[in-house]
Amino acid sequence: MRRFLKRLFTPPLVVIAALLMLLEETLIAWLQQLMATLARLPWVAALEARAARLPPYPAMALFLLPVIILFPVKVGAVWLLAEGKVLLGGAVLLVGKVVGTAFAARIYKLLHPALATLAWFVRVETWVFGWRDRLYAAVKAMPAWQAAADVIRRGRAWLRTQVQSLRRQASRPGSMSRRLAAIRRRSRRSA
């Protein structure tokens, strides 16, 4: 029975894990770019400079701030889900997760030098990242992950060629004005 359940549940769980890992890796890359762009604003740069100079325990309090601030947002999302407002609750949960991840990653990067002076923080960090890396390695070794990664790679390549094609078409002289004129003609005929 145990083998049957394992064979039944492993493939969908691997696919879900693969999608979550891909989403996390993609989101983190995009969010790091966004936060680096925001960090160029003078007032944000000044705040980040002050945060980087914090001693270890105030830095830990600042590091936990996104979790504390976003906890009510997540509770609200769960409440919306419980009330049957699935789309709104899901959207609030997703936005809360994305915003929380963005700020937590940026704050972690800023405060890591101060936090790394705490021996217990280094032990916990090593344990968490070791666990995450072992989990990622186990999932990436599975055939379902490799198949999903291949499909995603091919999808990205296809999307990249489509975008490049659209860019080439848009860069041709007069191509945009021809498209707009065609849209105007169609709208006049239908009116």
N, C-alpha and C. Protein backbone atom coordinates (compact mmCIF):
# COMPACT_ATOMS: atom_id res chain seq x y z
N MET A 1 0.82 -1.20 0.00
CA MET A 1 0.00 0.00 0.00
C MET A 1 0.86 1.26 0.00
N ARG A 2 1.95 1.19 0.78
CA ARG A 2 2.82 2.37 0.89
C ARG A 2 3.48 2.68 -0.45
N ARG A 3 3.93 1.63 -1.16
CA ARG A 3 4.54 1.83 -2.48
C ARG A 3 3.53 2.41 -3.47
N PHE A 4 2.32 1.92 -3.41
CA PHE A 4 1.27 2.41 -4.30
C PHE A 4 1.04 3.90 -4.07
N LEU A 5 0.93 4.29 -2.81
CA LEU A 5 0.71 5.71 -2.49
C LEU A 5 1.90 6.56 -2.93
N LYS A 6 3.10 6.02 -2.75
CA LYS A 6 4.28 6.77 -3.16
C LYS A 6 4.29 6.97 -4.66
N ARG A 7 3.98 5.90 -5.42
CA ARG A 7 3.94 6.03 -6.88
C ARG A 7 2.80 6.94 -7.33
N LEU A 8 1.73 6.96 -6.58
CA LEU A 8 0.59 7.79 -6.94
C LEU A 8 0.85 9.28 -6.68
N PHE A 9 1.45 9.59 -5.55
CA PHE A 9 1.60 10.99 -5.16
C PHE A 9 2.93 11.63 -5.55
N THR A 10 3.95 10.85 -5.83
CA THR A 10 5.26 11.43 -6.14
C THR A 10 5.25 12.28 -7.42
N PRO A 11 4.74 11.79 -8.55
CA PRO A 11 4.80 12.62 -9.77
C PRO A 11 4.11 13.99 -9.63
N PRO A 12 2.88 14.06 -9.11
CA PRO A 12 2.29 15.40 -9.01
C PRO A 12 3.02 16.30 -8.01
N LEU A 13 3.53 15.71 -6.93
CA LEU A 13 4.27 16.51 -5.96
C LEU A 13 5.59 17.02 -6.53
N VAL A 14 6.23 16.21 -7.37
CA VAL A 14 7.47 16.64 -8.02
C VAL A 14 7.18 17.79 -8.98
N VAL A 15 6.10 17.68 -9.72
CA VAL A 15 5.73 18.76 -10.65
C VAL A 15 5.44 20.04 -9.88
N ILE A 16 4.70 19.93 -8.79
CA ILE A 16 4.40 21.11 -7.97
C ILE A 16 5.69 21.69 -7.40
N ALA A 17 6.57 20.84 -6.89
CA ALA A 17 7.85 21.31 -6.35
C ALA A 17 8.68 21.98 -7.44
N ALA A 18 8.69 21.38 -8.63
CA ALA A 18 9.45 21.96 -9.74
C ALA A 18 8.91 23.34 -10.10
N LEU A 19 7.61 23.45 -10.18
CA LEU A 19 7.00 24.75 -10.51
C LEU A 19 7.30 25.78 -9.43
N LEU A 20 7.21 25.38 -8.16
CA LEU A 20 7.50 26.31 -7.07
C LEU A 20 8.96 26.73 -7.08
N MET A 21 9.86 25.78 -7.33
CA MET A 21 11.28 26.11 -7.37
C MET A 21 11.58 27.05 -8.53
N LEU A 22 11.00 26.79 -9.69
CA LEU A 22 11.21 27.65 -10.85
C LEU A 22 10.64 29.04 -10.57
N LEU A 23 9.45 29.08 -10.00
CA LEU A 23 8.83 30.36 -9.68
C LEU A 23 9.70 31.13 -8.68
N GLU A 24 10.20 30.44 -7.67
CA GLU A 24 11.02 31.10 -6.67
C GLU A 24 12.30 31.65 -7.29
N GLU A 25 12.98 30.82 -8.10
CA GLU A 25 14.22 31.28 -8.73
C GLU A 25 13.97 32.46 -9.65
N THR A 26 12.91 32.40 -10.44
CA THR A 26 12.59 33.48 -11.36
C THR A 26 12.18 34.74 -10.62
N LEU A 27 11.30 34.56 -9.63
CA LEU A 27 10.84 35.72 -8.86
C LEU A 27 11.99 36.39 -8.12
N ILE A 28 12.86 35.60 -7.53
CA ILE A 28 13.97 36.18 -6.78
C ILE A 28 14.86 37.00 -7.71
N ALA A 29 15.13 36.49 -8.89
CA ALA A 29 15.96 37.25 -9.84
C ALA A 29 15.29 38.56 -10.22
N TRP A 30 13.99 38.50 -10.55
CA TRP A 30 13.27 39.73 -10.93
C TRP A 30 13.18 40.69 -9.75
N LEU A 31 12.89 40.15 -8.58
CA LEU A 31 12.73 41.01 -7.41
C LEU A 31 14.05 41.65 -7.00
N GLN A 32 15.15 40.94 -7.18
CA GLN A 32 16.45 41.54 -6.87
C GLN A 32 16.73 42.71 -7.81
N GLN A 33 16.37 42.56 -9.07
CA GLN A 33 16.55 43.66 -10.02
C GLN A 33 15.66 44.85 -9.64
N LEU A 34 14.42 44.56 -9.27
CA LEU A 34 13.50 45.63 -8.88
C LEU A 34 13.99 46.35 -7.63
N MET A 35 14.41 45.59 -6.64
CA MET A 35 14.88 46.21 -5.40
C MET A 35 16.18 46.98 -5.62
N ALA A 36 17.05 46.50 -6.49
CA ALA A 36 18.27 47.24 -6.81
C ALA A 36 17.94 48.55 -7.50
N THR A 37 16.91 48.53 -8.34
CA THR A 37 16.46 49.76 -8.99
C THR A 37 15.91 50.73 -7.96
N LEU A 38 15.10 50.23 -7.03
CA LEU A 38 14.56 51.09 -5.99
C LEU A 38 15.66 51.64 -5.09
N ALA A 39 16.72 50.86 -4.89
CA ALA A 39 17.82 51.28 -4.02
C ALA A 39 18.58 52.47 -4.60
N ARG A 40 18.37 52.75 -5.86
CA ARG A 40 19.03 53.92 -6.46
C ARG A 40 18.36 55.23 -6.07
N LEU A 41 17.14 55.15 -5.55
CA LEU A 41 16.49 56.37 -5.08
C LEU A 41 17.26 56.89 -3.87
N PRO A 42 17.49 58.20 -3.80
CA PRO A 42 18.33 58.73 -2.72
C PRO A 42 17.83 58.39 -1.32
N TRP A 43 16.54 58.50 -1.07
CA TRP A 43 16.04 58.24 0.29
C TRP A 43 16.13 56.76 0.64
N VAL A 44 15.97 55.89 -0.35
CA VAL A 44 16.11 54.45 -0.10
C VAL A 44 17.58 54.11 0.16
N ALA A 45 18.46 54.72 -0.61
CA ALA A 45 19.90 54.49 -0.42
C ALA A 45 20.33 54.95 0.97
N ALA A 46 19.78 56.06 1.43
CA ALA A 46 20.13 56.56 2.77
C ALA A 46 19.63 55.60 3.85
N LEU A 47 18.41 55.10 3.69
CA LEU A 47 17.87 54.13 4.66
C LEU A 47 18.69 52.85 4.67
N GLU A 48 19.07 52.38 3.49
CA GLU A 48 19.86 51.16 3.41
C GLU A 48 21.24 51.35 4.05
N ALA A 49 21.84 52.53 3.86
CA ALA A 49 23.15 52.79 4.46
C ALA A 49 23.05 52.78 5.98
N ARG A 50 21.97 53.36 6.52
CA ARG A 50 21.78 53.34 7.98
C ARG A 50 21.55 51.91 8.48
N ALA A 51 20.76 51.14 7.73
CA ALA A 51 20.48 49.76 8.13
C ALA A 51 21.74 48.92 8.12
N ALA A 52 22.61 49.15 7.15
CA ALA A 52 23.84 48.37 7.04
C ALA A 52 24.79 48.62 8.21
N ARG A 53 24.62 49.74 8.90
CA ARG A 53 25.50 50.07 10.03
C ARG A 53 24.94 49.60 11.37
N LEU A 54 23.78 48.94 11.37
CA LEU A 54 23.18 48.50 12.62
C LEU A 54 24.00 47.41 13.29
N PRO A 55 24.00 47.40 14.63
CA PRO A 55 24.62 46.27 15.34
C PRO A 55 23.76 45.00 15.17
N PRO A 56 24.27 43.85 15.57
CA PRO A 56 23.60 42.57 15.26
C PRO A 56 22.14 42.44 15.73
N TYR A 57 21.82 42.75 16.97
CA TYR A 57 20.45 42.50 17.43
C TYR A 57 19.43 43.49 16.88
N PRO A 58 19.74 44.77 16.76
CA PRO A 58 18.80 45.63 16.03
C PRO A 58 18.66 45.21 14.55
N ALA A 59 19.75 44.71 13.97
CA ALA A 59 19.68 44.20 12.59
C ALA A 59 18.73 43.00 12.54
N MET A 60 18.77 42.14 13.56
CA MET A 60 17.86 40.99 13.61
C MET A 60 16.41 41.46 13.70
N ALA A 61 16.15 42.50 14.50
CA ALA A 61 14.79 43.03 14.60
C ALA A 61 14.32 43.56 13.25
N LEU A 62 15.20 44.26 12.54
CA LEU A 62 14.85 44.77 11.21
C LEU A 62 14.66 43.63 10.22
N PHE A 63 15.46 42.58 10.36
CA PHE A 63 15.35 41.41 9.48
C PHE A 63 13.99 40.73 9.64
N LEU A 64 13.46 40.73 10.86
CA LEU A 64 12.16 40.09 11.12
C LEU A 64 10.98 41.01 10.80
N LEU A 65 11.24 42.27 10.54
CA LEU A 65 10.16 43.24 10.29
C LEU A 65 9.21 42.84 9.15
N PRO A 66 9.70 42.40 7.97
CA PRO A 66 8.77 42.02 6.91
C PRO A 66 7.82 40.89 7.33
N VAL A 67 8.33 39.94 8.11
CA VAL A 67 7.49 38.83 8.57
C VAL A 67 6.38 39.37 9.47
N ILE A 68 6.74 40.26 10.37
CA ILE A 68 5.78 40.82 11.32
C ILE A 68 4.74 41.68 10.60
N ILE A 69 5.20 42.50 9.67
CA ILE A 69 4.29 43.40 8.95
C ILE A 69 3.34 42.62 8.05
N LEU A 70 3.84 41.58 7.39
CA LEU A 70 3.01 40.86 6.42
C LEU A 70 2.16 39.75 7.04
N PHE A 71 2.36 39.45 8.32
CA PHE A 71 1.55 38.42 8.96
C PHE A 71 0.06 38.76 8.90
N PRO A 72 -0.36 40.00 9.24
CA PRO A 72 -1.79 40.31 9.13
C PRO A 72 -2.32 40.22 7.70
N VAL A 73 -1.47 40.53 6.73
CA VAL A 73 -1.90 40.42 5.33
C VAL A 73 -2.19 38.96 5.00
N LYS A 74 -1.33 38.07 5.45
CA LYS A 74 -1.53 36.64 5.17
C LYS A 74 -2.75 36.11 5.92
N VAL A 75 -2.95 36.56 7.14
CA VAL A 75 -4.15 36.15 7.90
C VAL A 75 -5.40 36.64 7.17
N GLY A 76 -5.35 37.87 6.68
CA GLY A 76 -6.48 38.42 5.92
C GLY A 76 -6.74 37.61 4.66
N ALA A 77 -5.69 37.17 4.00
CA ALA A 77 -5.86 36.35 2.80
C ALA A 77 -6.51 35.01 3.14
N VAL A 78 -6.09 34.41 4.23
CA VAL A 78 -6.69 33.14 4.66
C VAL A 78 -8.16 33.37 5.01
N TRP A 79 -8.47 34.48 5.66
CA TRP A 79 -9.86 34.79 5.99
C TRP A 79 -10.69 34.94 4.72
N LEU A 80 -10.15 35.64 3.71
CA LEU A 80 -10.86 35.78 2.44
C LEU A 80 -11.08 34.42 1.78
N LEU A 81 -10.08 33.56 1.84
CA LEU A 81 -10.24 32.22 1.30
C LEU A 81 -11.33 31.45 2.04
N ALA A 82 -11.34 31.58 3.37
CA ALA A 82 -12.36 30.88 4.18
C ALA A 82 -13.76 31.42 3.89
N GLU A 83 -13.85 32.69 3.51
CA GLU A 83 -15.14 33.29 3.19
C GLU A 83 -15.60 32.95 1.77
N GLY A 84 -14.79 32.19 1.04
CA GLY A 84 -15.17 31.78 -0.30
C GLY A 84 -14.70 32.73 -1.38
N LYS A 85 -13.96 33.76 -1.04
CA LYS A 85 -13.43 34.71 -2.03
C LYS A 85 -12.05 34.22 -2.45
N VAL A 86 -12.07 33.17 -3.25
CA VAL A 86 -10.84 32.45 -3.58
C VAL A 86 -9.88 33.30 -4.41
N LEU A 87 -10.40 33.97 -5.44
CA LEU A 87 -9.52 34.77 -6.29
C LEU A 87 -8.90 35.93 -5.53
N LEU A 88 -9.71 36.66 -4.77
CA LEU A 88 -9.20 37.79 -4.01
C LEU A 88 -8.23 37.32 -2.93
N GLY A 89 -8.59 36.27 -2.21
CA GLY A 89 -7.71 35.73 -1.18
C GLY A 89 -6.40 35.24 -1.76
N GLY A 90 -6.48 34.54 -2.88
CA GLY A 90 -5.27 34.05 -3.54
C GLY A 90 -4.39 35.20 -4.02
N ALA A 91 -5.04 36.24 -4.57
CA ALA A 91 -4.28 37.40 -5.04
C ALA A 91 -3.59 38.11 -3.88
N VAL A 92 -4.30 38.30 -2.77
CA VAL A 92 -3.71 38.96 -1.60
C VAL A 92 -2.55 38.13 -1.06
N LEU A 93 -2.74 36.82 -1.01
CA LEU A 93 -1.68 35.92 -0.53
C LEU A 93 -0.46 35.98 -1.45
N LEU A 94 -0.69 35.96 -2.75
CA LEU A 94 0.40 36.01 -3.72
C LEU A 94 1.15 37.34 -3.64
N VAL A 95 0.42 38.44 -3.60
CA VAL A 95 1.06 39.76 -3.51
C VAL A 95 1.84 39.88 -2.20
N GLY A 96 1.24 39.41 -1.11
CA GLY A 96 1.94 39.44 0.18
C GLY A 96 3.22 38.63 0.15
N LYS A 97 3.16 37.47 -0.49
CA LYS A 97 4.34 36.60 -0.58
C LYS A 97 5.42 37.27 -1.43
N VAL A 98 5.04 37.84 -2.55
CA VAL A 98 6.00 38.47 -3.45
C VAL A 98 6.65 39.68 -2.78
N VAL A 99 5.83 40.54 -2.18
CA VAL A 99 6.36 41.73 -1.51
C VAL A 99 7.25 41.33 -0.33
N GLY A 100 6.78 40.37 0.44
CA GLY A 100 7.58 39.90 1.58
C GLY A 100 8.90 39.30 1.15
N THR A 101 8.89 38.52 0.08
CA THR A 101 10.11 37.92 -0.43
C THR A 101 11.08 38.99 -0.91
N ALA A 102 10.56 39.99 -1.62
CA ALA A 102 11.41 41.06 -2.14
C ALA A 102 12.10 41.81 -1.00
N PHE A 103 11.32 42.23 -0.02
CA PHE A 103 11.90 42.98 1.08
C PHE A 103 12.81 42.12 1.96
N ALA A 104 12.40 40.89 2.21
CA ALA A 104 13.23 40.01 3.04
C ALA A 104 14.57 39.72 2.37
N ALA A 105 14.56 39.48 1.06
CA ALA A 105 15.81 39.21 0.35
C ALA A 105 16.73 40.42 0.38
N ARG A 106 16.15 41.61 0.17
CA ARG A 106 16.97 42.83 0.18
C ARG A 106 17.53 43.10 1.58
N ILE A 107 16.67 42.96 2.59
CA ILE A 107 17.11 43.19 3.96
C ILE A 107 18.17 42.16 4.36
N TYR A 108 17.97 40.91 3.96
CA TYR A 108 18.96 39.87 4.26
C TYR A 108 20.31 40.23 3.66
N LYS A 109 20.29 40.68 2.42
CA LYS A 109 21.54 41.04 1.74
C LYS A 109 22.23 42.21 2.46
N LEU A 110 21.44 43.19 2.88
CA LEU A 110 22.00 44.36 3.56
C LEU A 110 22.55 44.02 4.95
N LEU A 111 21.80 43.20 5.68
CA LEU A 111 22.11 42.97 7.08
C LEU A 111 22.98 41.74 7.34
N HIS A 112 23.26 40.97 6.31
CA HIS A 112 24.01 39.73 6.50
C HIS A 112 25.35 39.93 7.22
N PRO A 113 26.13 40.96 6.88
CA PRO A 113 27.40 41.13 7.61
C PRO A 113 27.20 41.26 9.13
N ALA A 114 26.19 42.02 9.55
CA ALA A 114 25.93 42.17 10.99
C ALA A 114 25.38 40.88 11.59
N LEU A 115 24.46 40.23 10.86
CA LEU A 115 23.85 39.01 11.38
C LEU A 115 24.86 37.86 11.45
N ALA A 116 25.84 37.87 10.55
CA ALA A 116 26.84 36.79 10.52
C ALA A 116 27.78 36.85 11.72
N THR A 117 27.71 37.92 12.51
CA THR A 117 28.54 37.98 13.73
C THR A 117 27.90 37.20 14.87
N LEU A 118 26.64 36.82 14.71
CA LEU A 118 25.94 36.02 15.72
C LEU A 118 26.15 34.54 15.41
N ALA A 119 26.80 33.82 16.30
CA ALA A 119 27.12 32.40 16.06
C ALA A 119 25.85 31.58 15.86
N TRP A 120 24.82 31.82 16.65
CA TRP A 120 23.59 31.03 16.52
C TRP A 120 22.91 31.31 15.18
N PHE A 121 23.01 32.54 14.67
CA PHE A 121 22.43 32.86 13.37
C PHE A 121 23.14 32.09 12.26
N VAL A 122 24.47 32.03 12.35
CA VAL A 122 25.25 31.30 11.35
C VAL A 122 24.89 29.82 11.37
N ARG A 123 24.70 29.25 12.56
CA ARG A 123 24.32 27.83 12.65
C ARG A 123 22.94 27.60 12.03
N VAL A 124 21.98 28.47 12.36
CA VAL A 124 20.62 28.33 11.80
C VAL A 124 20.65 28.53 10.30
N GLU A 125 21.38 29.54 9.84
CA GLU A 125 21.48 29.82 8.40
C GLU A 125 22.08 28.63 7.66
N THR A 126 23.14 28.06 8.22
CA THR A 126 23.79 26.90 7.60
C THR A 126 22.83 25.72 7.54
N TRP A 127 22.08 25.49 8.62
CA TRP A 127 21.13 24.40 8.64
C TRP A 127 20.02 24.61 7.61
N VAL A 128 19.45 25.82 7.55
CA VAL A 128 18.34 26.11 6.62
C VAL A 128 18.81 25.97 5.18
N PHE A 129 19.95 26.59 4.85
CA PHE A 129 20.42 26.51 3.46
C PHE A 129 20.88 25.10 3.10
N GLY A 130 21.44 24.37 4.05
CA GLY A 130 21.81 22.99 3.79
C GLY A 130 20.59 22.13 3.49
N TRP A 131 19.54 22.32 4.30
CA TRP A 131 18.29 21.59 4.09
C TRP A 131 17.69 21.93 2.73
N ARG A 132 17.67 23.25 2.41
CA ARG A 132 17.12 23.69 1.12
C ARG A 132 17.92 23.10 -0.03
N ASP A 133 19.24 23.13 0.06
CA ASP A 133 20.08 22.62 -1.02
C ASP A 133 19.90 21.12 -1.22
N ARG A 134 19.77 20.37 -0.12
CA ARG A 134 19.54 18.92 -0.25
C ARG A 134 18.18 18.65 -0.89
N LEU A 135 17.17 19.41 -0.49
CA LEU A 135 15.84 19.25 -1.08
C LEU A 135 15.86 19.57 -2.57
N TYR A 136 16.49 20.69 -2.92
CA TYR A 136 16.59 21.07 -4.33
C TYR A 136 17.33 19.99 -5.13
N ALA A 137 18.43 19.48 -4.57
CA ALA A 137 19.21 18.45 -5.28
C ALA A 137 18.38 17.19 -5.48
N ALA A 138 17.61 16.81 -4.46
CA ALA A 138 16.77 15.60 -4.59
C ALA A 138 15.70 15.79 -5.65
N VAL A 139 15.08 16.95 -5.67
CA VAL A 139 14.02 17.20 -6.66
C VAL A 139 14.63 17.29 -8.06
N LYS A 140 15.76 17.97 -8.19
CA LYS A 140 16.38 18.14 -9.51
C LYS A 140 16.93 16.82 -10.06
N ALA A 141 17.17 15.84 -9.21
CA ALA A 141 17.65 14.54 -9.67
C ALA A 141 16.52 13.67 -10.20
N MET A 142 15.29 14.03 -9.94
CA MET A 142 14.16 13.21 -10.36
C MET A 142 13.88 13.40 -11.85
N PRO A 143 13.50 12.31 -12.54
CA PRO A 143 13.19 12.40 -13.97
C PRO A 143 12.06 13.38 -14.27
N ALA A 144 11.07 13.47 -13.40
CA ALA A 144 9.97 14.40 -13.63
C ALA A 144 10.47 15.84 -13.65
N TRP A 145 11.41 16.17 -12.74
CA TRP A 145 11.99 17.52 -12.72
C TRP A 145 12.74 17.79 -14.02
N GLN A 146 13.54 16.82 -14.45
CA GLN A 146 14.34 17.03 -15.65
C GLN A 146 13.45 17.19 -16.87
N ALA A 147 12.36 16.45 -16.92
CA ALA A 147 11.42 16.60 -18.04
C ALA A 147 10.75 17.97 -17.98
N ALA A 148 10.33 18.39 -16.79
CA ALA A 148 9.69 19.70 -16.65
C ALA A 148 10.67 20.81 -16.98
N ALA A 149 11.91 20.67 -16.55
CA ALA A 149 12.93 21.69 -16.84
C ALA A 149 13.18 21.78 -18.34
N ASP A 150 13.16 20.63 -19.02
CA ASP A 150 13.35 20.63 -20.47
C ASP A 150 12.20 21.35 -21.17
N VAL A 151 10.97 21.07 -20.75
CA VAL A 151 9.80 21.74 -21.33
C VAL A 151 9.89 23.25 -21.08
N ILE A 152 10.29 23.63 -19.90
CA ILE A 152 10.40 25.05 -19.56
C ILE A 152 11.50 25.71 -20.39
N ARG A 153 12.63 25.04 -20.56
CA ARG A 153 13.72 25.58 -21.38
C ARG A 153 13.25 25.80 -22.81
N ARG A 154 12.54 24.80 -23.36
CA ARG A 154 12.05 24.95 -24.73
C ARG A 154 11.01 26.06 -24.82
N GLY A 155 10.17 26.17 -23.79
CA GLY A 155 9.17 27.24 -23.77
C GLY A 155 9.82 28.62 -23.70
N ARG A 156 10.84 28.74 -22.90
CA ARG A 156 11.57 30.03 -22.81
C ARG A 156 12.22 30.37 -24.14
N ALA A 157 12.83 29.37 -24.78
CA ALA A 157 13.48 29.62 -26.07
C ALA A 157 12.45 30.06 -27.10
N TRP A 158 11.30 29.39 -27.13
CA TRP A 158 10.23 29.77 -28.06
C TRP A 158 9.76 31.19 -27.78
N LEU A 159 9.54 31.51 -26.51
CA LEU A 159 9.09 32.84 -26.13
C LEU A 159 10.13 33.89 -26.52
N ARG A 160 11.40 33.58 -26.30
CA ARG A 160 12.47 34.50 -26.66
C ARG A 160 12.47 34.78 -28.16
N THR A 161 12.29 33.74 -28.99
CA THR A 161 12.26 33.95 -30.44
C THR A 161 11.04 34.77 -30.84
N GLN A 162 9.90 34.56 -30.16
CA GLN A 162 8.71 35.35 -30.47
C GLN A 162 8.92 36.82 -30.14
N VAL A 163 9.50 37.09 -29.01
CA VAL A 163 9.77 38.47 -28.60
C VAL A 163 10.75 39.12 -29.56
N GLN A 164 11.81 38.40 -29.93
CA GLN A 164 12.78 38.95 -30.87
C GLN A 164 12.13 39.24 -32.22
N SER A 165 11.25 38.36 -32.65
CA SER A 165 10.54 38.57 -33.91
C SER A 165 9.67 39.82 -33.84
N LEU A 166 8.96 39.98 -32.74
CA LEU A 166 8.13 41.17 -32.58
C LEU A 166 8.99 42.43 -32.54
N ARG A 167 10.13 42.36 -31.89
CA ARG A 167 11.02 43.53 -31.84
C ARG A 167 11.53 43.88 -33.23
N ARG A 168 11.89 42.85 -34.01
CA ARG A 168 12.37 43.12 -35.37
C ARG A 168 11.27 43.76 -36.20
N GLN A 169 10.04 43.24 -36.07
CA GLN A 169 8.93 43.81 -36.83
C GLN A 169 8.65 45.25 -36.41
N ALA A 170 8.72 45.51 -35.13
CA ALA A 170 8.44 46.86 -34.63
C ALA A 170 9.54 47.84 -35.00
N SER A 171 10.76 47.32 -35.21
CA SER A 171 11.87 48.23 -35.53
C SER A 171 11.91 48.62 -37.00
N ARG A 172 11.12 47.95 -37.84
CA ARG A 172 11.09 48.33 -39.25
C ARG A 172 10.45 49.70 -39.40
N PRO A 173 10.99 50.50 -40.31
CA PRO A 173 10.42 51.84 -40.48
C PRO A 173 8.96 51.78 -40.93
N GLY A 174 8.12 52.47 -40.22
CA GLY A 174 6.73 52.58 -40.59
C GLY A 174 5.86 51.40 -40.23
N SER A 175 6.42 50.36 -39.59
CA SER A 175 5.63 49.17 -39.32
C SER A 175 4.52 49.47 -38.32
N MET A 176 4.81 50.29 -37.33
CA MET A 176 3.80 50.61 -36.33
C MET A 176 2.70 51.49 -36.94
N SER A 177 3.09 52.43 -37.77
CA SER A 177 2.08 53.30 -38.37
C SER A 177 1.19 52.51 -39.33
N ARG A 178 1.78 51.51 -40.04
CA ARG A 178 0.96 50.67 -40.92
C ARG A 178 -0.05 49.86 -40.10
N ARG A 179 0.39 49.33 -38.95
CA ARG A 179 -0.52 48.56 -38.11
C ARG A 179 -1.66 49.44 -37.59
N LEU A 180 -1.31 50.62 -37.12
CA LEU A 180 -2.35 51.53 -36.61
C LEU A 180 -3.33 51.92 -37.71
N ALA A 181 -2.83 52.15 -38.92
CA ALA A 181 -3.71 52.50 -40.04
C ALA A 181 -4.64 51.33 -40.36
N ALA A 182 -4.12 50.10 -40.32
CA ALA A 182 -4.95 48.92 -40.58
C ALA A 182 -6.03 48.78 -39.50
N ILE A 183 -5.68 49.04 -38.28
CA ILE A 183 -6.67 48.97 -37.19
C ILE A 183 -7.74 50.02 -37.38
N ARG A 184 -7.33 51.23 -37.78
CA ARG A 184 -8.34 52.31 -38.04
C ARG A 184 -9.27 51.91 -39.16
N ARG A 185 -8.71 51.36 -40.25
CA ARG A 185 -9.56 50.96 -41.40
C ARG A 185 -10.57 49.90 -40.97
N ARG A 186 -10.11 48.90 -40.19
CA ARG A 186 -11.03 47.86 -39.74
C ARG A 186 -12.13 48.43 -38.85
N SER A 187 -11.76 49.36 -37.98
CA SER A 187 -12.77 49.92 -37.08
C SER A 187 -13.78 50.77 -37.84
N ARG A 188 -13.35 51.46 -38.91
CA ARG A 188 -14.28 52.26 -39.72
C ARG A 188 -15.24 51.36 -40.49
N ARG A 189 -14.73 50.23 -40.99
CA ARG A 189 -15.59 49.30 -41.74
C ARG A 189 -16.66 48.70 -40.84
N SER A 190 -16.28 48.37 -39.61
CA SER A 190 -17.24 47.72 -38.72
C SER A 190 -18.23 48.72 -38.12
N ALA A 191 -17.93 50.02 -38.19
CA ALA A 191 -18.83 51.03 -37.60
C ALA A 191 -19.93 51.44 -38.50
